[in-house]
């Protein structure tokens, strides 16, 4: 089965509980196997900075779902957990699930770009990926470790 990586973030309400609820929802989906979960880390907001800090993590999942179907599942989990798209872009949110990587595939479709288009510049996403797989390579961008080193 393909291995995909999903980034998780929350900065509204009980942030840690929200991350764990999302992880459990993914784990209980019959078409997804959560293979590994990174540690949870607190990070400063990026982009829209006038908001509370985030808790971020990542999960490695194995699934037969294609990239678009997996994205639809992630959006469904967000909706079930009360995520709305109101307010400023990159603003506060109860939960954010991003499809960061899907195997070694490169996808560029309306509404879906994999690898995530800003992954290479986001420490809060790269660090959990490096924890899950230190040898992970981002297609078209290089090893996660090298990308992290370039941010220092």
N, C-alpha and C. Protein backbone atom coordinates (compact mmCIF):
# COMPACT_ATOMS: atom_id res chain seq x y z
N UNK A 1 0.84 -1.19 0.00
CA UNK A 1 0.00 0.00 0.00
C UNK A 1 0.88 1.25 0.00
N UNK A 2 0.44 2.27 -0.69
CA UNK A 2 1.20 3.53 -0.67
C UNK A 2 1.25 4.12 0.74
N UNK A 3 2.37 4.75 1.08
CA UNK A 3 2.49 5.46 2.36
C UNK A 3 2.35 6.95 2.07
N UNK A 4 1.45 7.56 2.81
CA UNK A 4 1.23 9.00 2.70
C UNK A 4 1.54 9.63 4.05
N UNK A 5 1.81 10.92 4.02
CA UNK A 5 2.09 11.66 5.24
C UNK A 5 1.13 12.83 5.33
N UNK A 6 0.53 12.96 6.52
CA UNK A 6 -0.48 13.99 6.76
C UNK A 6 0.02 14.88 7.89
N UNK A 7 0.00 16.18 7.66
CA UNK A 7 0.33 17.15 8.70
C UNK A 7 -0.94 17.55 9.44
N UNK A 8 -0.82 17.71 10.75
CA UNK A 8 -1.95 18.10 11.58
C UNK A 8 -1.59 19.35 12.36
N UNK A 9 -2.56 20.24 12.51
CA UNK A 9 -2.35 21.44 13.30
C UNK A 9 -3.64 21.90 13.94
N UNK A 10 -3.51 22.56 15.10
CA UNK A 10 -4.67 23.12 15.80
C UNK A 10 -4.20 24.26 16.68
N UNK A 11 -5.00 25.35 16.71
CA UNK A 11 -4.68 26.44 17.63
C UNK A 11 -5.92 27.07 18.26
N UNK A 12 -7.02 26.34 18.26
CA UNK A 12 -8.26 26.81 18.86
C UNK A 12 -8.81 25.72 19.78
N UNK A 13 -9.20 26.11 20.99
CA UNK A 13 -9.79 25.15 21.92
C UNK A 13 -8.74 24.23 22.51
N UNK A 14 -9.14 23.00 22.83
CA UNK A 14 -8.23 22.00 23.39
C UNK A 14 -7.43 21.43 22.23
N UNK A 15 -6.31 22.05 21.94
CA UNK A 15 -5.53 21.73 20.75
C UNK A 15 -5.07 20.28 20.72
N UNK A 16 -4.54 19.79 21.82
CA UNK A 16 -4.03 18.42 21.83
C UNK A 16 -5.16 17.41 21.64
N UNK A 17 -6.27 17.63 22.32
CA UNK A 17 -7.42 16.73 22.16
C UNK A 17 -7.89 16.73 20.70
N UNK A 18 -7.87 17.88 20.06
CA UNK A 18 -8.32 17.96 18.67
C UNK A 18 -7.40 17.15 17.76
N UNK A 19 -6.08 17.24 17.98
CA UNK A 19 -5.15 16.44 17.18
C UNK A 19 -5.41 14.95 17.38
N UNK A 20 -5.57 14.53 18.63
CA UNK A 20 -5.80 13.11 18.89
C UNK A 20 -7.14 12.63 18.33
N UNK A 21 -8.15 13.48 18.38
CA UNK A 21 -9.44 13.09 17.79
C UNK A 21 -9.30 12.86 16.30
N UNK A 22 -8.57 13.75 15.61
CA UNK A 22 -8.35 13.59 14.17
C UNK A 22 -7.57 12.31 13.88
N UNK A 23 -6.53 12.04 14.67
CA UNK A 23 -5.73 10.83 14.47
C UNK A 23 -6.59 9.59 14.66
N UNK A 24 -7.42 9.59 15.70
CA UNK A 24 -8.29 8.44 15.94
C UNK A 24 -9.32 8.26 14.82
N UNK A 25 -9.85 9.35 14.31
CA UNK A 25 -10.80 9.24 13.21
C UNK A 25 -10.13 8.62 11.99
N UNK A 26 -8.90 9.00 11.71
CA UNK A 26 -8.17 8.39 10.60
C UNK A 26 -7.91 6.91 10.88
N UNK A 27 -7.50 6.60 12.11
CA UNK A 27 -7.15 5.22 12.47
C UNK A 27 -8.36 4.30 12.39
N UNK A 28 -9.55 4.83 12.66
CA UNK A 28 -10.74 3.99 12.64
C UNK A 28 -11.39 3.91 11.26
N UNK A 29 -10.86 4.63 10.29
CA UNK A 29 -11.37 4.51 8.93
C UNK A 29 -10.88 3.19 8.35
N UNK A 30 -11.78 2.37 7.80
CA UNK A 30 -11.37 1.05 7.31
C UNK A 30 -10.40 1.08 6.14
N UNK A 31 -10.27 2.22 5.47
CA UNK A 31 -9.38 2.29 4.32
C UNK A 31 -8.04 2.94 4.63
N UNK A 32 -7.79 3.19 5.91
CA UNK A 32 -6.55 3.86 6.32
C UNK A 32 -5.93 3.09 7.48
N UNK A 33 -4.62 2.89 7.40
CA UNK A 33 -3.87 2.31 8.51
C UNK A 33 -2.87 3.36 8.97
N UNK A 34 -3.03 3.84 10.20
CA UNK A 34 -2.08 4.80 10.75
C UNK A 34 -0.85 4.01 11.18
N UNK A 35 0.25 4.21 10.46
CA UNK A 35 1.46 3.43 10.69
C UNK A 35 2.35 4.06 11.76
N UNK A 36 2.35 5.38 11.88
CA UNK A 36 3.21 6.06 12.86
C UNK A 36 2.67 7.45 13.12
N UNK A 37 2.91 7.94 14.34
CA UNK A 37 2.50 9.28 14.75
C UNK A 37 3.72 9.98 15.34
N UNK A 38 3.99 11.18 14.88
CA UNK A 38 5.12 11.95 15.42
C UNK A 38 4.76 12.48 16.80
N UNK A 39 5.74 13.04 17.47
CA UNK A 39 5.45 13.77 18.70
C UNK A 39 4.72 15.06 18.33
N UNK A 40 4.08 15.63 19.32
CA UNK A 40 3.35 16.89 19.14
C UNK A 40 4.25 18.02 19.60
N UNK A 41 4.29 19.09 18.81
CA UNK A 41 5.15 20.23 19.16
C UNK A 41 4.34 21.52 19.04
N UNK A 42 4.68 22.48 19.89
CA UNK A 42 4.05 23.79 19.82
C UNK A 42 4.88 24.67 18.90
N UNK A 43 4.19 25.39 18.00
CA UNK A 43 4.88 26.22 17.02
C UNK A 43 4.19 27.58 16.91
N UNK A 44 4.96 28.55 16.50
CA UNK A 44 4.41 29.88 16.26
C UNK A 44 3.66 29.88 14.94
N UNK A 45 2.61 30.70 14.85
CA UNK A 45 1.88 30.79 13.58
C UNK A 45 2.75 31.36 12.46
N UNK A 46 2.43 30.98 11.24
CA UNK A 46 3.13 31.44 10.04
C UNK A 46 2.11 32.14 9.16
N UNK A 47 2.51 33.22 8.52
CA UNK A 47 1.59 33.95 7.63
C UNK A 47 0.82 34.96 8.44
N UNK A 48 -0.34 34.56 8.91
CA UNK A 48 -1.18 35.41 9.77
C UNK A 48 -0.71 35.19 11.20
N UNK A 49 0.12 36.09 11.73
CA UNK A 49 0.79 35.82 13.00
C UNK A 49 0.01 36.28 14.24
N UNK A 50 -1.04 37.07 14.07
CA UNK A 50 -1.81 37.56 15.21
C UNK A 50 -2.86 36.54 15.61
N UNK A 51 -2.37 35.41 16.17
CA UNK A 51 -3.25 34.33 16.60
C UNK A 51 -2.48 33.45 17.58
N UNK A 52 -3.18 32.57 18.30
CA UNK A 52 -2.50 31.72 19.28
C UNK A 52 -1.53 30.74 18.61
N UNK A 53 -0.56 30.22 19.40
CA UNK A 53 0.36 29.23 18.86
C UNK A 53 -0.36 27.94 18.49
N UNK A 54 0.25 27.18 17.61
CA UNK A 54 -0.30 25.91 17.14
C UNK A 54 0.34 24.75 17.88
N UNK A 55 -0.38 23.65 17.91
CA UNK A 55 0.21 22.34 18.16
C UNK A 55 0.24 21.66 16.80
N UNK A 56 1.38 21.07 16.45
CA UNK A 56 1.53 20.40 15.16
C UNK A 56 2.09 19.00 15.35
N UNK A 57 1.73 18.13 14.43
CA UNK A 57 2.24 16.76 14.39
C UNK A 57 2.08 16.26 12.96
N UNK A 58 2.51 15.04 12.74
CA UNK A 58 2.31 14.38 11.45
C UNK A 58 2.04 12.91 11.69
N UNK A 59 1.33 12.31 10.75
CA UNK A 59 1.10 10.87 10.79
C UNK A 59 1.50 10.27 9.45
N UNK A 60 2.02 9.06 9.52
CA UNK A 60 2.26 8.26 8.33
C UNK A 60 1.10 7.30 8.22
N UNK A 61 0.47 7.26 7.05
CA UNK A 61 -0.66 6.35 6.84
C UNK A 61 -0.40 5.49 5.61
N UNK A 62 -0.91 4.29 5.67
CA UNK A 62 -0.90 3.41 4.51
C UNK A 62 -2.34 3.25 4.08
N UNK A 63 -2.57 3.39 2.78
CA UNK A 63 -3.94 3.38 2.29
C UNK A 63 -3.97 3.01 0.81
N UNK A 64 -5.06 2.38 0.42
CA UNK A 64 -5.31 2.13 -0.99
C UNK A 64 -6.06 3.29 -1.63
N UNK A 65 -6.51 4.24 -0.79
CA UNK A 65 -7.17 5.42 -1.34
C UNK A 65 -6.17 6.19 -2.19
N UNK A 66 -6.61 6.69 -3.32
CA UNK A 66 -5.77 7.55 -4.14
C UNK A 66 -5.62 8.90 -3.47
N UNK A 67 -4.73 9.75 -3.98
CA UNK A 67 -4.50 11.05 -3.35
C UNK A 67 -5.76 11.90 -3.22
N UNK A 68 -6.60 11.96 -4.26
CA UNK A 68 -7.81 12.78 -4.20
C UNK A 68 -8.80 12.22 -3.17
N UNK A 69 -8.96 10.91 -3.13
CA UNK A 69 -9.87 10.30 -2.16
C UNK A 69 -9.36 10.49 -0.74
N UNK A 70 -8.05 10.42 -0.55
CA UNK A 70 -7.48 10.65 0.78
C UNK A 70 -7.71 12.10 1.20
N UNK A 71 -7.52 13.03 0.27
CA UNK A 71 -7.80 14.43 0.58
C UNK A 71 -9.26 14.61 0.99
N UNK A 72 -10.18 13.98 0.28
CA UNK A 72 -11.60 14.09 0.64
C UNK A 72 -11.86 13.56 2.05
N UNK A 73 -11.18 12.47 2.42
CA UNK A 73 -11.32 11.94 3.78
C UNK A 73 -10.79 12.96 4.79
N UNK A 74 -9.65 13.58 4.51
CA UNK A 74 -9.09 14.57 5.43
C UNK A 74 -10.04 15.76 5.60
N UNK A 75 -10.61 16.22 4.50
CA UNK A 75 -11.56 17.34 4.57
C UNK A 75 -12.81 16.95 5.35
N UNK A 76 -13.24 15.70 5.22
CA UNK A 76 -14.40 15.20 5.96
C UNK A 76 -14.11 15.17 7.46
N UNK A 77 -12.92 14.73 7.84
CA UNK A 77 -12.53 14.73 9.25
C UNK A 77 -12.51 16.17 9.78
N UNK A 78 -11.94 17.09 9.01
CA UNK A 78 -11.94 18.49 9.43
C UNK A 78 -13.36 19.00 9.67
N UNK A 79 -14.26 18.72 8.74
CA UNK A 79 -15.64 19.19 8.89
C UNK A 79 -16.28 18.58 10.14
N UNK A 80 -16.08 17.29 10.36
CA UNK A 80 -16.67 16.63 11.53
C UNK A 80 -16.15 17.23 12.83
N UNK A 81 -14.93 17.73 12.80
CA UNK A 81 -14.33 18.32 14.00
C UNK A 81 -14.55 19.83 14.08
N UNK A 82 -15.43 20.36 13.24
CA UNK A 82 -15.85 21.75 13.36
C UNK A 82 -15.01 22.76 12.61
N UNK A 83 -14.17 22.31 11.69
CA UNK A 83 -13.35 23.24 10.91
C UNK A 83 -14.24 24.03 9.97
N UNK A 84 -14.06 25.33 9.96
CA UNK A 84 -14.73 26.18 8.98
C UNK A 84 -13.65 26.92 8.19
N UNK A 85 -14.02 27.44 7.06
CA UNK A 85 -13.06 28.16 6.21
C UNK A 85 -13.31 29.67 6.26
N UNK A 86 -13.97 30.12 7.33
CA UNK A 86 -14.23 31.55 7.49
C UNK A 86 -13.00 32.21 8.09
N UNK A 87 -12.90 33.52 7.94
CA UNK A 87 -11.79 34.25 8.53
C UNK A 87 -10.60 34.32 7.59
N UNK A 88 -9.49 34.87 8.08
CA UNK A 88 -8.33 35.08 7.21
C UNK A 88 -7.65 33.77 6.82
N UNK A 89 -7.06 33.76 5.63
CA UNK A 89 -6.27 32.61 5.18
C UNK A 89 -5.13 32.43 6.18
N UNK A 90 -4.86 31.22 6.54
CA UNK A 90 -3.84 30.85 7.54
C UNK A 90 -4.21 31.35 8.93
N UNK A 91 -5.50 31.68 9.14
CA UNK A 91 -5.95 32.15 10.45
C UNK A 91 -6.20 31.02 11.42
N UNK A 92 -6.75 31.34 12.60
CA UNK A 92 -7.01 30.34 13.64
C UNK A 92 -7.94 29.24 13.13
N UNK A 93 -7.69 28.00 13.62
CA UNK A 93 -8.53 26.88 13.22
C UNK A 93 -8.50 25.78 14.27
N UNK A 94 -9.65 25.12 14.39
CA UNK A 94 -9.77 24.02 15.34
C UNK A 94 -8.88 22.86 14.92
N UNK A 95 -8.85 22.58 13.62
CA UNK A 95 -8.05 21.47 13.10
C UNK A 95 -7.68 21.76 11.65
N UNK A 96 -6.49 21.35 11.29
CA UNK A 96 -6.02 21.50 9.92
C UNK A 96 -5.31 20.20 9.56
N UNK A 97 -5.76 19.55 8.51
CA UNK A 97 -5.13 18.31 8.03
C UNK A 97 -4.64 18.57 6.61
N UNK A 98 -3.35 18.42 6.40
CA UNK A 98 -2.75 18.65 5.08
C UNK A 98 -2.13 17.37 4.56
N UNK A 99 -2.46 17.01 3.33
CA UNK A 99 -1.80 15.89 2.68
C UNK A 99 -0.44 16.41 2.21
N UNK A 100 0.62 16.01 2.90
CA UNK A 100 1.96 16.52 2.63
C UNK A 100 2.65 15.73 1.52
N UNK A 101 2.58 14.41 1.62
CA UNK A 101 3.24 13.52 0.66
C UNK A 101 2.36 12.31 0.42
N UNK A 102 2.43 11.78 -0.79
CA UNK A 102 1.72 10.55 -1.13
C UNK A 102 2.72 9.68 -1.90
N UNK A 103 3.39 8.79 -1.15
CA UNK A 103 4.44 7.98 -1.76
C UNK A 103 5.45 8.90 -2.42
N UNK A 104 5.89 8.51 -3.61
CA UNK A 104 6.80 9.38 -4.36
C UNK A 104 6.08 10.07 -5.51
N UNK A 105 4.74 10.14 -5.39
CA UNK A 105 3.94 10.76 -6.45
C UNK A 105 3.99 12.28 -6.42
N UNK A 106 3.89 12.85 -7.60
CA UNK A 106 3.72 14.29 -7.77
C UNK A 106 2.35 14.48 -8.40
N UNK A 107 1.50 15.23 -7.72
CA UNK A 107 0.12 15.45 -8.18
C UNK A 107 -0.11 16.95 -8.31
N UNK A 108 -0.65 17.36 -9.45
CA UNK A 108 -1.00 18.76 -9.64
C UNK A 108 -2.36 18.80 -10.34
N UNK A 109 -3.39 18.81 -9.51
CA UNK A 109 -4.77 18.82 -9.99
C UNK A 109 -5.50 19.99 -9.33
N UNK A 110 -6.61 20.40 -9.89
CA UNK A 110 -7.38 21.45 -9.22
C UNK A 110 -7.72 21.03 -7.78
N UNK A 111 -7.32 21.85 -6.81
CA UNK A 111 -7.61 21.57 -5.41
C UNK A 111 -6.63 20.64 -4.71
N UNK A 112 -5.65 20.12 -5.44
CA UNK A 112 -4.71 19.18 -4.81
C UNK A 112 -3.33 19.28 -5.46
N UNK A 113 -2.35 19.62 -4.65
CA UNK A 113 -0.95 19.61 -5.07
C UNK A 113 -0.16 18.79 -4.07
N UNK A 114 0.51 17.76 -4.56
CA UNK A 114 1.34 16.90 -3.73
C UNK A 114 2.67 16.73 -4.44
N UNK A 115 3.80 16.91 -3.75
CA UNK A 115 3.94 17.31 -2.35
C UNK A 115 3.27 18.66 -2.09
N UNK A 116 2.93 18.86 -0.82
CA UNK A 116 2.31 20.12 -0.43
C UNK A 116 3.19 21.27 -0.92
N UNK A 117 2.60 22.28 -1.57
CA UNK A 117 3.41 23.31 -2.24
C UNK A 117 4.31 24.14 -1.33
N UNK A 118 4.01 24.24 -0.04
CA UNK A 118 4.85 25.03 0.85
C UNK A 118 5.61 24.16 1.86
N UNK A 119 5.60 22.86 1.65
CA UNK A 119 6.23 21.94 2.58
C UNK A 119 7.70 22.29 2.80
N UNK A 120 8.42 22.58 1.75
CA UNK A 120 9.87 22.81 1.82
C UNK A 120 10.27 24.03 2.65
N UNK A 121 9.29 24.91 2.96
CA UNK A 121 9.61 26.11 3.72
C UNK A 121 8.97 26.12 5.11
N UNK A 122 8.42 25.00 5.53
CA UNK A 122 7.69 24.95 6.80
C UNK A 122 8.33 23.97 7.78
N UNK A 123 9.09 24.53 8.68
CA UNK A 123 9.74 23.72 9.71
C UNK A 123 8.72 22.90 10.50
N UNK A 124 7.56 23.50 10.81
CA UNK A 124 6.55 22.81 11.61
C UNK A 124 6.01 21.56 10.92
N UNK A 125 6.19 21.44 9.61
CA UNK A 125 5.78 20.24 8.88
C UNK A 125 6.97 19.31 8.63
N UNK A 126 8.13 19.89 8.35
CA UNK A 126 9.31 19.07 8.05
C UNK A 126 9.85 18.33 9.27
N UNK A 127 9.86 18.98 10.44
CA UNK A 127 10.40 18.32 11.63
C UNK A 127 9.65 17.04 11.98
N UNK A 128 8.31 17.04 12.00
CA UNK A 128 7.63 15.78 12.29
C UNK A 128 7.87 14.71 11.22
N UNK A 129 8.01 15.13 9.95
CA UNK A 129 8.31 14.16 8.90
C UNK A 129 9.68 13.53 9.12
N UNK A 130 10.66 14.34 9.49
CA UNK A 130 12.01 13.82 9.75
C UNK A 130 12.00 12.87 10.93
N UNK A 131 11.15 13.14 11.91
CA UNK A 131 11.02 12.24 13.06
C UNK A 131 10.43 10.90 12.63
N UNK A 132 9.43 10.94 11.75
CA UNK A 132 8.78 9.71 11.30
C UNK A 132 9.69 8.89 10.39
N UNK A 133 10.47 9.56 9.54
CA UNK A 133 11.36 8.87 8.61
C UNK A 133 12.54 9.78 8.27
N UNK A 134 13.67 9.61 8.96
CA UNK A 134 14.82 10.49 8.74
C UNK A 134 15.37 10.45 7.30
N UNK A 135 15.06 9.39 6.56
CA UNK A 135 15.55 9.26 5.19
C UNK A 135 14.54 9.67 4.14
N UNK A 136 13.43 10.24 4.57
CA UNK A 136 12.35 10.61 3.66
C UNK A 136 12.82 11.66 2.65
N UNK A 137 12.38 11.48 1.41
CA UNK A 137 12.71 12.42 0.34
C UNK A 137 11.42 13.03 -0.19
N UNK A 138 11.42 14.35 -0.34
CA UNK A 138 10.29 15.06 -0.91
C UNK A 138 10.50 15.11 -2.42
N UNK A 139 9.63 14.46 -3.20
CA UNK A 139 9.81 14.46 -4.66
C UNK A 139 9.97 15.87 -5.21
N UNK A 140 11.01 16.06 -6.00
CA UNK A 140 11.26 17.35 -6.64
C UNK A 140 11.95 18.37 -5.76
N UNK A 141 12.11 18.07 -4.45
CA UNK A 141 12.71 19.05 -3.54
C UNK A 141 13.94 18.50 -2.82
N UNK A 142 13.98 17.19 -2.57
CA UNK A 142 15.14 16.60 -1.92
C UNK A 142 14.83 16.00 -0.57
N UNK A 143 15.89 15.52 0.10
CA UNK A 143 15.71 14.89 1.42
C UNK A 143 15.18 15.88 2.46
N UNK A 144 14.30 15.38 3.31
CA UNK A 144 13.72 16.21 4.37
C UNK A 144 14.82 16.80 5.24
N UNK A 145 15.85 15.99 5.55
CA UNK A 145 16.94 16.49 6.40
C UNK A 145 17.64 17.69 5.74
N UNK A 146 17.87 17.63 4.45
CA UNK A 146 18.52 18.73 3.73
C UNK A 146 17.61 19.96 3.70
N UNK A 147 16.33 19.74 3.51
CA UNK A 147 15.39 20.87 3.52
C UNK A 147 15.38 21.56 4.88
N UNK A 148 15.41 20.77 5.94
CA UNK A 148 15.46 21.34 7.29
C UNK A 148 16.75 22.12 7.50
N UNK A 149 17.86 21.55 7.06
CA UNK A 149 19.16 22.22 7.22
C UNK A 149 19.17 23.56 6.48
N UNK A 150 18.48 23.63 5.37
CA UNK A 150 18.41 24.87 4.59
C UNK A 150 17.60 25.96 5.26
N UNK A 151 16.78 25.59 6.25
CA UNK A 151 15.97 26.58 6.96
C UNK A 151 16.70 27.19 8.14
N UNK A 152 17.83 26.62 8.52
CA UNK A 152 18.55 27.09 9.73
C UNK A 152 19.38 28.30 9.49
